[in-house]
Amino acid sequence: MKSLLVVFFLLDGQWVQGEANKGWGSVAYENQETCLASKVRAEGIHANLRRVNLRALEKRFECIAEQKPPAD
């Protein structure tokens, strides 16, 4: 089953999902394992960014099972 890596931003005390039209859309992976590996990488990159830029927005990354639309 495909998994989606989704980024969320902490804005005004609420977690908001990134929008594709702003360059923050979900990324599809073939399985949960590869998604989780990418999640760990993204968290590391973000942690490094926060060390050098304390004003960077807080982000959260999640792997979510891809939902297929119901068949007609």
Protein backbone atom coordinates (compact mmCIF):
# COMPACT_ATOMS: atom_id res chain seq x y z
CA MET A 1 0.00 0.00 0.00
CA LYS A 2 1.31 3.45 -0.89
CA SER A 3 2.07 5.96 1.83
CA LEU A 4 2.06 9.74 1.68
CA LEU A 5 4.61 11.88 3.47
CA VAL A 6 2.63 14.90 4.66
CA VAL A 7 4.09 18.06 6.20
CA PHE A 8 2.21 20.11 8.77
CA PHE A 9 3.07 23.64 9.93
CA LEU A 10 2.33 25.08 13.37
CA LEU A 11 0.46 28.33 12.65
CA ASP A 12 -1.23 30.32 15.41
CA GLY A 13 -1.21 27.28 17.70
CA GLN A 14 -2.80 24.92 15.15
CA TRP A 15 -1.24 22.29 12.89
CA VAL A 16 -2.06 23.05 9.25
CA GLN A 17 -1.34 20.66 6.38
CA GLY A 18 0.99 21.95 3.67
CA GLU A 19 -0.65 22.89 0.38
CA ALA A 20 0.48 21.52 -2.99
CA ASN A 21 -0.04 24.86 -4.73
CA LYS A 22 2.46 26.43 -2.32
CA GLY A 23 5.10 23.73 -2.86
CA TRP A 24 4.28 21.69 0.24
CA GLY A 25 2.09 18.92 -1.19
CA SER A 26 2.23 15.30 -0.05
CA VAL A 27 4.84 12.99 -1.57
CA ALA A 28 3.80 9.43 -2.44
CA TYR A 29 6.00 6.44 -1.59
CA GLU A 30 5.57 2.83 -2.65
CA ASN A 31 5.37 1.58 0.94
CA GLN A 32 5.39 2.63 4.58
CA GLU A 33 9.05 1.69 5.08
CA THR A 34 10.39 4.09 2.43
CA CYS A 35 8.04 6.82 3.64
CA LEU A 36 9.30 6.44 7.20
CA ALA A 37 12.93 6.65 6.00
CA SER A 38 12.12 9.89 4.19
CA LYS A 39 10.30 11.18 7.29
CA VAL A 40 13.41 10.63 9.43
CA ARG A 41 15.51 12.45 6.82
CA ALA A 42 13.06 15.40 6.71
CA GLU A 43 13.02 15.63 10.52
CA GLY A 44 16.83 15.76 10.56
CA ILE A 45 16.94 18.49 7.93
CA HIS A 46 14.34 20.48 9.85
CA ALA A 47 16.23 20.05 13.15
CA ASN A 48 19.37 21.44 11.49
CA LEU A 49 17.41 24.37 10.09
CA ARG A 50 15.99 25.18 13.54
CA ARG A 51 19.54 25.24 14.96
CA VAL A 52 20.66 27.97 12.55
CA ASN A 53 17.33 29.81 12.17
CA LEU A 54 15.42 29.98 15.43
CA ARG A 55 12.57 31.79 13.65
CA ALA A 56 11.90 28.93 11.20
CA LEU A 57 8.33 27.65 11.36
CA GLU A 58 7.81 24.51 13.39
CA LYS A 59 7.02 21.52 11.12
CA ARG A 60 5.72 18.02 11.72
CA PHE A 61 6.03 15.16 9.24
CA GLU A 62 3.67 12.16 9.05
CA CYS A 63 3.35 9.07 6.87
CA ILE A 64 -0.30 8.43 6.04
CA ALA A 65 -1.79 5.54 4.05
CA GLU A 66 -2.94 6.77 0.63
CA GLN A 67 -6.72 6.87 0.38
CA LYS A 68 -8.16 5.87 -2.98
CA PRO A 69 -11.46 7.41 -4.05
CA PRO A 70 -14.40 4.96 -4.06
CA ALA A 71 -15.16 3.33 -7.40
CA ASP A 72 -18.37 4.39 -9.12
